[in-house]
Full PDB file with SEQRES, HELIX, SHEET, SSBOND, CRYST1, ORIGX, SCALE, CONECT and MASTER records, all heavy atoms in Angstrom:
SEQRES   1 A   41  LEU ASP TRP ALA ILE GLY GLY ASP LYS THR CYS GLU GLU          
SEQRES   2 A   41  ALA GLU LYS ASP LEU SER THR PHE ALA CYS GLN ASN ASN          
SEQRES   3 A   41  SER ASN CYS ARG ASN SER ASP LYS VAL PRO GLY TYR ILE          
SEQRES   4 A   41  CYS THR                                                      
HELIX    1 AA1 CYS A   11  ALA A   14  1                                   4    
SHEET    1 AA1 2 CYS A  29  ASN A  31  0                                        
SHEET    2 AA1 2 TYR A  38  CYS A  40 -1                                        
SSBOND   1 CYS A   11    CYS A   29                          1555   1555  2.07  
SSBOND   2 CYS A   23    CYS A   40                          1555   1555  1.85  
CRYST1    1.000    1.000    1.000  90.00  90.00  90.00 P 1           1          
ORIGX1      1.000000  0.000000  0.000000        0.00000                         
ORIGX2      0.000000  1.000000  0.000000        0.00000                         
ORIGX3      0.000000  0.000000  1.000000        0.00000                         
SCALE1      1.000000  0.000000  0.000000        0.00000                         
SCALE2      0.000000  1.000000  0.000000        0.00000                         
SCALE3      0.000000  0.000000  1.000000        0.00000                         
ATOM      1  N   LEU A   1     -11.975   6.629  -1.563  1.00  0.00           N  
ATOM      2  CA  LEU A   1     -11.198   6.115  -2.611  1.00  0.00           C  
ATOM      3  C   LEU A   1     -11.096   4.577  -2.511  1.00  0.00           C  
ATOM      4  O   LEU A   1     -10.982   4.033  -1.400  1.00  0.00           O  
ATOM      5  CB  LEU A   1      -9.663   6.685  -2.463  1.00  0.00           C  
ATOM      6  CG  LEU A   1      -9.498   8.225  -2.537  1.00  0.00           C  
ATOM      7  CD1 LEU A   1      -7.970   8.547  -2.370  1.00  0.00           C  
ATOM      8  CD2 LEU A   1     -10.037   8.726  -3.841  1.00  0.00           C  
ATOM      9  N   ASP A   2     -11.245   3.887  -3.550  1.00  0.00           N  
ATOM     10  CA  ASP A   2     -10.891   2.416  -3.580  1.00  0.00           C  
ATOM     11  C   ASP A   2      -9.467   2.168  -3.779  1.00  0.00           C  
ATOM     12  O   ASP A   2      -8.746   2.846  -4.324  1.00  0.00           O  
ATOM     13  CB  ASP A   2     -11.674   1.754  -4.732  1.00  0.00           C  
ATOM     14  CG  ASP A   2     -13.184   1.966  -4.695  1.00  0.00           C  
ATOM     15  OD1 ASP A   2     -13.745   1.768  -3.511  1.00  0.00           O  
ATOM     16  OD2 ASP A   2     -13.906   2.177  -5.697  1.00  0.00           O  
ATOM     17  N   TRP A   3      -9.042   1.121  -3.145  1.00  0.00           N  
ATOM     18  CA  TRP A   3      -7.640   0.696  -3.300  1.00  0.00           C  
ATOM     19  C   TRP A   3      -7.476  -0.794  -3.333  1.00  0.00           C  
ATOM     20  O   TRP A   3      -8.271  -1.569  -2.968  1.00  0.00           O  
ATOM     21  CB  TRP A   3      -6.786   1.386  -2.140  1.00  0.00           C  
ATOM     22  CG  TRP A   3      -7.086   0.711  -0.689  1.00  0.00           C  
ATOM     23  CD1 TRP A   3      -8.098   1.081   0.135  1.00  0.00           C  
ATOM     24  CD2 TRP A   3      -6.518  -0.436  -0.067  1.00  0.00           C  
ATOM     25  NE1 TRP A   3      -8.158   0.404   1.254  1.00  0.00           N  
ATOM     26  CE2 TRP A   3      -7.168  -0.709   1.087  1.00  0.00           C  
ATOM     27  CE3 TRP A   3      -5.533  -1.418  -0.496  1.00  0.00           C  
ATOM     28  CZ2 TRP A   3      -6.819  -1.755   2.055  1.00  0.00           C  
ATOM     29  CZ3 TRP A   3      -5.227  -2.405   0.368  1.00  0.00           C  
ATOM     30  CH2 TRP A   3      -5.800  -2.587   1.641  1.00  0.00           C  
ATOM     31  N   ALA A   4      -6.323  -1.123  -3.967  1.00  0.00           N  
ATOM     32  CA  ALA A   4      -5.901  -2.514  -4.075  1.00  0.00           C  
ATOM     33  C   ALA A   4      -4.352  -2.576  -3.828  1.00  0.00           C  
ATOM     34  O   ALA A   4      -3.668  -1.495  -3.685  1.00  0.00           O  
ATOM     35  CB  ALA A   4      -6.362  -3.116  -5.323  1.00  0.00           C  
ATOM     36  N   ILE A   5      -3.874  -3.753  -3.775  1.00  0.00           N  
ATOM     37  CA  ILE A   5      -2.503  -3.987  -3.517  1.00  0.00           C  
ATOM     38  C   ILE A   5      -1.928  -4.710  -4.652  1.00  0.00           C  
ATOM     39  O   ILE A   5      -2.482  -5.337  -5.553  1.00  0.00           O  
ATOM     40  CB  ILE A   5      -2.156  -4.704  -2.149  1.00  0.00           C  
ATOM     41  CG1 ILE A   5      -0.939  -4.445  -1.531  1.00  0.00           C  
ATOM     42  CG2 ILE A   5      -2.413  -6.197  -2.317  1.00  0.00           C  
ATOM     43  CD1 ILE A   5      -0.888  -4.779  -0.002  1.00  0.00           C  
ATOM     44  N   GLY A   6      -0.488  -4.575  -4.677  1.00  0.00           N  
ATOM     45  CA  GLY A   6       0.280  -5.348  -5.722  1.00  0.00           C  
ATOM     46  C   GLY A   6       0.486  -4.621  -7.038  1.00  0.00           C  
ATOM     47  O   GLY A   6       0.827  -5.243  -8.049  1.00  0.00           O  
ATOM     48  N   GLY A   7       0.295  -3.294  -7.077  1.00  0.00           N  
ATOM     49  CA  GLY A   7       0.475  -2.550  -8.404  1.00  0.00           C  
ATOM     50  C   GLY A   7      -0.571  -2.969  -9.412  1.00  0.00           C  
ATOM     51  O   GLY A   7      -1.806  -2.990  -9.178  1.00  0.00           O  
ATOM     52  N   ASP A   8      -0.112  -3.373 -10.585  1.00  0.00           N  
ATOM     53  CA  ASP A   8      -1.137  -3.807 -11.531  1.00  0.00           C  
ATOM     54  C   ASP A   8      -1.076  -5.493 -11.695  1.00  0.00           C  
ATOM     55  O   ASP A   8      -1.600  -5.948 -12.686  1.00  0.00           O  
ATOM     56  CB  ASP A   8      -0.912  -3.236 -12.923  1.00  0.00           C  
ATOM     57  CG  ASP A   8       0.595  -3.444 -13.427  1.00  0.00           C  
ATOM     58  OD1 ASP A   8       1.335  -3.934 -12.686  1.00  0.00           O  
ATOM     59  OD2 ASP A   8       0.845  -3.020 -14.499  1.00  0.00           O  
ATOM     60  N   LYS A   9      -0.566  -6.097 -10.718  1.00  0.00           N  
ATOM     61  CA  LYS A   9      -0.418  -7.575 -10.745  1.00  0.00           C  
ATOM     62  C   LYS A   9      -1.770  -8.186 -10.400  1.00  0.00           C  
ATOM     63  O   LYS A   9      -2.426  -7.809  -9.602  1.00  0.00           O  
ATOM     64  CB  LYS A   9       0.655  -8.066  -9.905  1.00  0.00           C  
ATOM     65  CG  LYS A   9       2.036  -7.678 -10.312  1.00  0.00           C  
ATOM     66  CD  LYS A   9       3.090  -8.331  -9.367  1.00  0.00           C  
ATOM     67  CE  LYS A   9       4.513  -7.987  -9.815  1.00  0.00           C  
ATOM     68  NZ  LYS A   9       5.471  -8.523  -8.798  1.00  0.00           N  
ATOM     69  N   THR A  10      -2.077  -9.324 -11.009  1.00  0.00           N  
ATOM     70  CA  THR A  10      -3.184 -10.198 -10.662  1.00  0.00           C  
ATOM     71  C   THR A  10      -2.773 -11.112  -9.547  1.00  0.00           C  
ATOM     72  O   THR A  10      -1.534 -11.253  -9.250  1.00  0.00           O  
ATOM     73  CB  THR A  10      -3.859 -10.929 -11.862  1.00  0.00           C  
ATOM     74  OG1 THR A  10      -2.787 -11.854 -12.264  1.00  0.00           O  
ATOM     75  CG2 THR A  10      -4.129  -9.945 -12.926  1.00  0.00           C  
ATOM     76  N   CYS A  11      -3.765 -11.762  -9.005  1.00  0.00           N  
ATOM     77  CA  CYS A  11      -3.370 -12.798  -7.979  1.00  0.00           C  
ATOM     78  C   CYS A  11      -2.503 -13.822  -8.553  1.00  0.00           C  
ATOM     79  O   CYS A  11      -1.484 -14.279  -7.907  1.00  0.00           O  
ATOM     80  CB  CYS A  11      -4.689 -13.564  -7.425  1.00  0.00           C  
ATOM     81  SG  CYS A  11      -5.717 -12.479  -6.441  1.00  0.00           S  
ATOM     82  N   GLU A  12      -2.583 -14.338  -9.698  1.00  0.00           N  
ATOM     83  CA  GLU A  12      -1.844 -15.439 -10.363  1.00  0.00           C  
ATOM     84  C   GLU A  12      -0.459 -14.996 -10.570  1.00  0.00           C  
ATOM     85  O   GLU A  12       0.457 -15.639 -10.363  1.00  0.00           O  
ATOM     86  CB  GLU A  12      -2.522 -15.799 -11.701  1.00  0.00           C  
ATOM     87  CG  GLU A  12      -3.871 -16.506 -11.638  1.00  0.00           C  
ATOM     88  CD  GLU A  12      -4.994 -15.607 -11.248  1.00  0.00           C  
ATOM     89  OE1 GLU A  12      -4.864 -14.282 -11.497  1.00  0.00           O  
ATOM     90  OE2 GLU A  12      -6.062 -15.973 -10.838  1.00  0.00           O  
ATOM     91  N   GLU A  13      -0.294 -13.685 -10.913  1.00  0.00           N  
ATOM     92  CA  GLU A  13       1.016 -13.091 -11.203  1.00  0.00           C  
ATOM     93  C   GLU A  13       1.760 -12.878  -9.883  1.00  0.00           C  
ATOM     94  O   GLU A  13       3.000 -13.172  -9.732  1.00  0.00           O  
ATOM     95  CB  GLU A  13       0.847 -11.864 -12.002  1.00  0.00           C  
ATOM     96  CG  GLU A  13       0.422 -11.972 -13.396  1.00  0.00           C  
ATOM     97  CD  GLU A  13       0.006 -10.665 -14.089  1.00  0.00           C  
ATOM     98  OE1 GLU A  13      -0.216  -9.675 -13.345  1.00  0.00           O  
ATOM     99  OE2 GLU A  13       0.032 -10.790 -15.320  1.00  0.00           O  
ATOM    100  N   ALA A  14       1.051 -12.396  -8.932  1.00  0.00           N  
ATOM    101  CA  ALA A  14       1.638 -11.929  -7.666  1.00  0.00           C  
ATOM    102  C   ALA A  14       2.072 -13.202  -6.856  1.00  0.00           C  
ATOM    103  O   ALA A  14       3.148 -13.329  -6.179  1.00  0.00           O  
ATOM    104  CB  ALA A  14       0.749 -11.170  -6.774  1.00  0.00           C  
ATOM    105  N   GLU A  15       1.443 -14.405  -6.970  1.00  0.00           N  
ATOM    106  CA  GLU A  15       1.786 -15.609  -6.251  1.00  0.00           C  
ATOM    107  C   GLU A  15       3.017 -16.348  -6.688  1.00  0.00           C  
ATOM    108  O   GLU A  15       3.526 -17.099  -6.011  1.00  0.00           O  
ATOM    109  CB  GLU A  15       0.519 -16.567  -6.338  1.00  0.00           C  
ATOM    110  CG  GLU A  15      -0.613 -16.286  -5.460  1.00  0.00           C  
ATOM    111  CD  GLU A  15      -1.813 -17.148  -5.695  1.00  0.00           C  
ATOM    112  OE1 GLU A  15      -1.865 -17.834  -6.661  1.00  0.00           O  
ATOM    113  OE2 GLU A  15      -2.761 -17.115  -4.817  1.00  0.00           O  
ATOM    114  N   LYS A  16       3.474 -15.828  -7.910  1.00  0.00           N  
ATOM    115  CA  LYS A  16       4.694 -16.435  -8.471  1.00  0.00           C  
ATOM    116  C   LYS A  16       5.904 -15.955  -7.578  1.00  0.00           C  
ATOM    117  O   LYS A  16       6.942 -16.762  -7.508  1.00  0.00           O  
ATOM    118  CB  LYS A  16       4.869 -16.035  -9.852  1.00  0.00           C  
ATOM    119  CG  LYS A  16       3.858 -16.634 -10.750  1.00  0.00           C  
ATOM    120  CD  LYS A  16       3.989 -16.194 -12.156  1.00  0.00           C  
ATOM    121  CE  LYS A  16       3.027 -16.728 -13.189  1.00  0.00           C  
ATOM    122  NZ  LYS A  16       3.099 -16.261 -14.593  1.00  0.00           N  
ATOM    123  N   ASP A  17       5.733 -14.887  -6.935  1.00  0.00           N  
ATOM    124  CA  ASP A  17       6.935 -14.361  -6.056  1.00  0.00           C  
ATOM    125  C   ASP A  17       6.442 -14.357  -4.543  1.00  0.00           C  
ATOM    126  O   ASP A  17       5.810 -13.304  -4.260  1.00  0.00           O  
ATOM    127  CB  ASP A  17       7.430 -13.039  -6.588  1.00  0.00           C  
ATOM    128  CG  ASP A  17       8.665 -12.648  -5.877  1.00  0.00           C  
ATOM    129  OD1 ASP A  17       9.067 -13.306  -4.847  1.00  0.00           O  
ATOM    130  OD2 ASP A  17       9.308 -11.467  -6.279  1.00  0.00           O  
ATOM    131  N   LEU A  18       6.619 -15.268  -3.783  1.00  0.00           N  
ATOM    132  CA  LEU A  18       6.120 -15.286  -2.464  1.00  0.00           C  
ATOM    133  C   LEU A  18       6.824 -14.262  -1.558  1.00  0.00           C  
ATOM    134  O   LEU A  18       6.178 -13.978  -0.484  1.00  0.00           O  
ATOM    135  CB  LEU A  18       6.142 -16.727  -1.875  1.00  0.00           C  
ATOM    136  CG  LEU A  18       5.250 -17.859  -2.607  1.00  0.00           C  
ATOM    137  CD1 LEU A  18       5.518 -19.232  -1.928  1.00  0.00           C  
ATOM    138  CD2 LEU A  18       3.833 -17.453  -2.595  1.00  0.00           C  
ATOM    139  N   SER A  19       7.906 -13.914  -1.886  1.00  0.00           N  
ATOM    140  CA  SER A  19       8.746 -12.811  -1.090  1.00  0.00           C  
ATOM    141  C   SER A  19       7.965 -11.565  -1.111  1.00  0.00           C  
ATOM    142  O   SER A  19       8.082 -10.773  -0.141  1.00  0.00           O  
ATOM    143  CB  SER A  19      10.107 -12.677  -1.570  1.00  0.00           C  
ATOM    144  OG  SER A  19      10.211 -12.204  -2.941  1.00  0.00           O  
ATOM    145  N   THR A  20       7.206 -11.240  -2.239  1.00  0.00           N  
ATOM    146  CA  THR A  20       6.543 -10.000  -2.200  1.00  0.00           C  
ATOM    147  C   THR A  20       4.897 -10.178  -2.207  1.00  0.00           C  
ATOM    148  O   THR A  20       4.181  -9.241  -2.224  1.00  0.00           O  
ATOM    149  CB  THR A  20       6.895  -9.174  -3.522  1.00  0.00           C  
ATOM    150  OG1 THR A  20       6.505 -10.014  -4.601  1.00  0.00           O  
ATOM    151  CG2 THR A  20       8.302  -8.827  -3.514  1.00  0.00           C  
ATOM    152  N   PHE A  21       4.558 -11.343  -2.198  1.00  0.00           N  
ATOM    153  CA  PHE A  21       3.048 -11.571  -2.203  1.00  0.00           C  
ATOM    154  C   PHE A  21       2.408 -11.073  -0.874  1.00  0.00           C  
ATOM    155  O   PHE A  21       2.874 -11.542   0.254  1.00  0.00           O  
ATOM    156  CB  PHE A  21       2.761 -13.152  -2.431  1.00  0.00           C  
ATOM    157  CG  PHE A  21       1.381 -13.537  -2.528  1.00  0.00           C  
ATOM    158  CD1 PHE A  21       0.473 -12.807  -3.495  1.00  0.00           C  
ATOM    159  CD2 PHE A  21       0.722 -14.468  -1.893  1.00  0.00           C  
ATOM    160  CE1 PHE A  21      -0.773 -13.120  -3.611  1.00  0.00           C  
ATOM    161  CE2 PHE A  21      -0.513 -14.892  -1.980  1.00  0.00           C  
ATOM    162  CZ  PHE A  21      -1.326 -14.212  -2.875  1.00  0.00           C  
ATOM    163  N   ALA A  22       1.519 -10.354  -0.894  1.00  0.00           N  
ATOM    164  CA  ALA A  22       0.869  -9.683   0.216  1.00  0.00           C  
ATOM    165  C   ALA A  22       0.004 -10.659   1.169  1.00  0.00           C  
ATOM    166  O   ALA A  22      -0.047 -10.419   2.332  1.00  0.00           O  
ATOM    167  CB  ALA A  22       0.013  -8.442  -0.130  1.00  0.00           C  
ATOM    168  N   CYS A  23      -0.667 -11.657   0.553  1.00  0.00           N  
ATOM    169  CA  CYS A  23      -1.729 -12.301   1.294  1.00  0.00           C  
ATOM    170  C   CYS A  23      -0.967 -13.357   2.259  1.00  0.00           C  
ATOM    171  O   CYS A  23      -0.177 -14.104   1.611  1.00  0.00           O  
ATOM    172  CB  CYS A  23      -2.598 -13.188   0.273  1.00  0.00           C  
ATOM    173  SG  CYS A  23      -3.563 -11.975  -0.620  1.00  0.00           S  
ATOM    174  N   GLN A  24      -1.258 -13.418   3.444  1.00  0.00           N  
ATOM    175  CA  GLN A  24      -0.564 -14.287   4.395  1.00  0.00           C  
ATOM    176  C   GLN A  24      -1.397 -15.561   4.644  1.00  0.00           C  
ATOM    177  O   GLN A  24      -2.256 -15.866   3.879  1.00  0.00           O  
ATOM    178  CB  GLN A  24      -0.263 -13.541   5.708  1.00  0.00           C  
ATOM    179  CG  GLN A  24       0.427 -12.230   5.650  1.00  0.00           C  
ATOM    180  CD  GLN A  24       1.868 -12.491   5.157  1.00  0.00           C  
ATOM    181  OE1 GLN A  24       2.568 -13.343   5.681  1.00  0.00           O  
ATOM    182  NE2 GLN A  24       2.333 -11.677   4.286  1.00  0.00           N  
ATOM    183  N   ASN A  25      -0.876 -16.400   5.556  1.00  0.00           N  
ATOM    184  CA  ASN A  25      -1.536 -17.756   5.834  1.00  0.00           C  
ATOM    185  C   ASN A  25      -2.965 -17.509   6.113  1.00  0.00           C  
ATOM    186  O   ASN A  25      -3.536 -16.575   6.804  1.00  0.00           O  
ATOM    187  CB  ASN A  25      -0.861 -18.339   7.042  1.00  0.00           C  
ATOM    188  CG  ASN A  25       0.693 -18.849   6.770  1.00  0.00           C  
ATOM    189  OD1 ASN A  25       0.910 -19.000   5.553  1.00  0.00           O  
ATOM    190  ND2 ASN A  25       1.468 -18.843   7.742  1.00  0.00           N  
ATOM    191  N   ASN A  26      -3.806 -18.633   5.808  1.00  0.00           N  
ATOM    192  CA  ASN A  26      -5.192 -18.700   6.096  1.00  0.00           C  
ATOM    193  C   ASN A  26      -5.980 -17.530   5.378  1.00  0.00           C  
ATOM    194  O   ASN A  26      -6.931 -16.920   5.996  1.00  0.00           O  
ATOM    195  CB  ASN A  26      -5.444 -18.741   7.493  1.00  0.00           C  
ATOM    196  CG  ASN A  26      -4.778 -19.885   8.275  1.00  0.00           C  
ATOM    197  OD1 ASN A  26      -4.629 -20.900   7.755  1.00  0.00           O  
ATOM    198  ND2 ASN A  26      -4.151 -19.470   9.391  1.00  0.00           N  
ATOM    199  N   SER A  27      -5.513 -17.072   4.332  1.00  0.00           N  
ATOM    200  CA  SER A  27      -6.244 -16.006   3.618  1.00  0.00           C  
ATOM    201  C   SER A  27      -6.526 -16.347   2.181  1.00  0.00           C  
ATOM    202  O   SER A  27      -5.746 -17.245   1.530  1.00  0.00           O  
ATOM    203  CB  SER A  27      -5.497 -14.714   3.687  1.00  0.00           C  
ATOM    204  OG  SER A  27      -4.265 -14.765   2.913  1.00  0.00           O  
ATOM    205  N   ASN A  28      -7.384 -15.593   1.422  1.00  0.00           N  
ATOM    206  CA  ASN A  28      -7.769 -15.826  -0.015  1.00  0.00           C  
ATOM    207  C   ASN A  28      -7.245 -14.560  -0.719  1.00  0.00           C  
ATOM    208  O   ASN A  28      -7.416 -13.486  -0.235  1.00  0.00           O  
ATOM    209  CB  ASN A  28      -9.144 -16.106  -0.254  1.00  0.00           C  
ATOM    210  CG  ASN A  28      -9.603 -17.434   0.476  1.00  0.00           C  
ATOM    211  OD1 ASN A  28      -8.933 -18.423   0.599  1.00  0.00           O  
ATOM    212  ND2 ASN A  28     -10.762 -17.321   1.169  1.00  0.00           N  
ATOM    213  N   CYS A  29      -6.963 -14.782  -2.004  1.00  0.00           N  
ATOM    214  CA  CYS A  29      -6.641 -13.635  -2.913  1.00  0.00           C  
ATOM    215  C   CYS A  29      -7.663 -13.597  -4.025  1.00  0.00           C  
ATOM    216  O   CYS A  29      -8.100 -14.644  -4.551  1.00  0.00           O  
ATOM    217  CB  CYS A  29      -5.214 -13.948  -3.516  1.00  0.00           C  
ATOM    218  SG  CYS A  29      -4.647 -12.515  -4.675  1.00  0.00           S  
ATOM    219  N   ARG A  30      -8.158 -12.375  -4.194  1.00  0.00           N  
ATOM    220  CA  ARG A  30      -9.053 -12.086  -5.347  1.00  0.00           C  
ATOM    221  C   ARG A  30      -8.588 -10.848  -6.060  1.00  0.00           C  
ATOM    222  O   ARG A  30      -8.216  -9.943  -5.551  1.00  0.00           O  
ATOM    223  CB  ARG A  30     -10.484 -11.979  -4.894  1.00  0.00           C  
ATOM    224  CG  ARG A  30     -10.831 -10.792  -4.064  1.00  0.00           C  
ATOM    225  CD  ARG A  30     -12.358 -10.781  -3.761  1.00  0.00           C  
ATOM    226  NE  ARG A  30     -12.623  -9.720  -2.683  1.00  0.00           N  
ATOM    227  CZ  ARG A  30     -12.833  -8.474  -3.151  1.00  0.00           C  
ATOM    228  NH1 ARG A  30     -12.737  -8.080  -4.393  1.00  0.00           N  
ATOM    229  NH2 ARG A  30     -13.064  -7.525  -2.109  1.00  0.00           N  
ATOM    230  N   ASN A  31      -8.872 -10.907  -7.364  1.00  0.00           N  
ATOM    231  CA  ASN A  31      -8.537  -9.698  -8.204  1.00  0.00           C  
ATOM    232  C   ASN A  31      -9.583  -8.703  -8.002  1.00  0.00           C  
ATOM    233  O   ASN A  31     -10.804  -8.953  -8.017  1.00  0.00           O  
ATOM    234  CB  ASN A  31      -8.499 -10.065  -9.649  1.00  0.00           C  
ATOM    235  CG  ASN A  31      -7.344 -11.102 -10.078  1.00  0.00           C  
ATOM    236  OD1 ASN A  31      -6.251 -10.991  -9.476  1.00  0.00           O  
ATOM    237  ND2 ASN A  31      -7.677 -12.183 -10.835  1.00  0.00           N  
ATOM    238  N   SER A  32      -9.079  -7.386  -7.843  1.00  0.00           N  
ATOM    239  CA  SER A  32      -9.993  -6.323  -7.630  1.00  0.00           C  
ATOM    240  C   SER A  32     -10.737  -5.865  -8.858  1.00  0.00           C  
ATOM    241  O   SER A  32     -10.148  -5.830  -9.968  1.00  0.00           O  
ATOM    242  CB  SER A  32      -9.204  -5.061  -7.117  1.00  0.00           C  
ATOM    243  OG  SER A  32      -9.972  -3.875  -7.000  1.00  0.00           O  
ATOM    244  N   ASP A  33     -12.066  -5.606  -8.776  1.00  0.00           N  
ATOM    245  CA  ASP A  33     -12.794  -5.213  -9.963  1.00  0.00           C  
ATOM    246  C   ASP A  33     -12.966  -3.702 -10.005  1.00  0.00           C  
ATOM    247  O   ASP A  33     -13.666  -3.114 -10.901  1.00  0.00           O  
ATOM    248  CB  ASP A  33     -14.134  -5.883  -9.961  1.00  0.00           C  
ATOM    249  CG  ASP A  33     -14.957  -5.500  -8.654  1.00  0.00           C  
ATOM    250  OD1 ASP A  33     -14.343  -4.849  -7.687  1.00  0.00           O  
ATOM    251  OD2 ASP A  33     -16.200  -5.681  -8.550  1.00  0.00           O  
ATOM    252  N   LYS A  34     -12.240  -3.030  -9.047  1.00  0.00           N  
ATOM    253  CA  LYS A  34     -12.263  -1.529  -9.082  1.00  0.00           C  
ATOM    254  C   LYS A  34     -10.987  -0.829  -9.368  1.00  0.00           C  
ATOM    255  O   LYS A  34     -10.992   0.213  -9.993  1.00  0.00           O  
ATOM    256  CB  LYS A  34     -12.738  -1.013  -7.700  1.00  0.00           C  
ATOM    257  CG  LYS A  34     -14.127  -1.548  -7.294  1.00  0.00           C  
ATOM    258  CD  LYS A  34     -14.499  -1.165  -5.876  1.00  0.00           C  
ATOM    259  CE  LYS A  34     -15.921  -1.626  -5.490  1.00  0.00           C  
ATOM    260  NZ  LYS A  34     -16.217  -1.293  -4.131  1.00  0.00           N  
ATOM    261  N   VAL A  35      -9.885  -1.544  -8.994  1.00  0.00           N  
ATOM    262  CA  VAL A  35      -8.474  -0.863  -9.074  1.00  0.00           C  
ATOM    263  C   VAL A  35      -7.558  -1.937  -9.577  1.00  0.00           C  
ATOM    264  O   VAL A  35      -7.756  -3.132  -9.231  1.00  0.00           O  
ATOM    265  CB  VAL A  35      -8.011  -0.390  -7.750  1.00  0.00           C  
ATOM    266  CG1 VAL A  35      -6.808   0.432  -7.881  1.00  0.00           C  
ATOM    267  CG2 VAL A  35      -9.065   0.438  -6.994  1.00  0.00           C  
ATOM    268  N   PRO A  36      -6.604  -1.753 -10.504  1.00  0.00           N  
ATOM    269  CA  PRO A  36      -5.650  -2.600 -10.867  1.00  0.00           C  
ATOM    270  C   PRO A  36      -4.986  -3.218  -9.704  1.00  0.00           C  
ATOM    271  O   PRO A  36      -4.451  -2.446  -8.775  1.00  0.00           O  
ATOM    272  CB  PRO A  36      -4.686  -1.879 -11.838  1.00  0.00           C  
ATOM    273  CG  PRO A  36      -5.580  -0.802 -12.309  1.00  0.00           C  
ATOM    274  CD  PRO A  36      -6.433  -0.315 -11.234  1.00  0.00           C  
ATOM    275  N   GLY A  37      -4.886  -4.569  -9.473  1.00  0.00           N  
ATOM    276  CA  GLY A  37      -4.263  -5.120  -8.330  1.00  0.00           C  
ATOM    277  C   GLY A  37      -5.111  -6.240  -7.700  1.00  0.00           C  
ATOM    278  O   GLY A  37      -6.154  -6.674  -8.305  1.00  0.00           O  
ATOM    279  N   TYR A  38      -4.768  -6.601  -6.615  1.00  0.00           N  
ATOM    280  CA  TYR A  38      -5.585  -7.692  -5.886  1.00  0.00           C  
ATOM    281  C   TYR A  38      -6.002  -7.390  -4.463  1.00  0.00           C  
ATOM    282  O   TYR A  38      -5.287  -6.500  -3.832  1.00  0.00           O  
ATOM    283  CB  TYR A  38      -4.858  -9.054  -5.973  1.00  0.00           C  
ATOM    284  CG  TYR A  38      -3.488  -9.075  -5.342  1.00  0.00           C  
ATOM    285  CD1 TYR A  38      -3.308  -9.398  -3.922  1.00  0.00           C  
ATOM    286  CD2 TYR A  38      -2.252  -8.726  -6.037  1.00  0.00           C  
ATOM    287  CE1 TYR A  38      -2.073  -9.471  -3.373  1.00  0.00           C  
ATOM    288  CE2 TYR A  38      -1.077  -8.746  -5.502  1.00  0.00           C  
ATOM    289  CZ  TYR A  38      -0.978  -9.118  -4.105  1.00  0.00           C  
ATOM    290  OH  TYR A  38       0.299  -9.237  -3.561  1.00  0.00           O  
ATOM    291  N   ILE A  39      -6.761  -8.155  -3.806  1.00  0.00           N  
ATOM    292  CA  ILE A  39      -7.371  -7.917  -2.442  1.00  0.00           C  
ATOM    293  C   ILE A  39      -7.092  -9.273  -1.604  1.00  0.00           C  
ATOM    294  O   ILE A  39      -7.353 -10.310  -2.218  1.00  0.00           O  
ATOM    295  CB  ILE A  39      -8.839  -7.477  -2.450  1.00  0.00           C  
ATOM    296  CG1 ILE A  39      -8.983  -6.149  -3.247  1.00  0.00           C  
ATOM    297  CG2 ILE A  39      -9.260  -7.453  -1.102  1.00  0.00           C  
ATOM    298  CD1 ILE A  39      -8.276  -4.986  -2.680  1.00  0.00           C  
ATOM    299  N   CYS A  40      -6.769  -9.140  -0.443  1.00  0.00           N  
ATOM    300  CA  CYS A  40      -6.579 -10.232   0.406  1.00  0.00           C  
ATOM    301  C   CYS A  40      -7.702 -10.370   1.486  1.00  0.00           C  
ATOM    302  O   CYS A  40      -8.009  -9.274   2.094  1.00  0.00           O  
ATOM    303  CB  CYS A  40      -5.214 -10.251   1.200  1.00  0.00           C  
ATOM    304  SG  CYS A  40      -3.731 -10.259   0.061  1.00  0.00           S  
ATOM    305  N   THR A  41      -8.388 -11.421   1.678  1.00  0.00           N  
ATOM    306  CA  THR A  41      -9.357 -11.583   2.767  1.00  0.00           C  
ATOM    307  C   THR A  41      -9.133 -12.910   3.486  1.00  0.00           C  
ATOM    308  O   THR A  41      -8.607 -13.825   2.889  1.00  0.00           O  
ATOM    309  CB  THR A  41     -10.820 -11.642   2.168  1.00  0.00           C  
ATOM    310  OG1 THR A  41     -10.802 -12.726   1.168  1.00  0.00           O  
ATOM    311  CG2 THR A  41     -11.058 -10.323   1.340  1.00  0.00           C  
TER     312      THR A  41                                                      
CONECT   81  218                                                                
CONECT  173  304                                                                
CONECT  218   81                                                                
CONECT  304  173                                                                
MASTER        0    0    0    1    2    0    0    6  311    1    4    4          
END                                                                             
């Protein structure tokens, strides 16, 4: 199963609320091309 985080939010939408944004320091956010949501690396 492929998975992503953030429900159906994109990186740009999720970054507006840092209290729920999943990507921590020294990481990048990219929109998943498999599942609605985003991925942190």
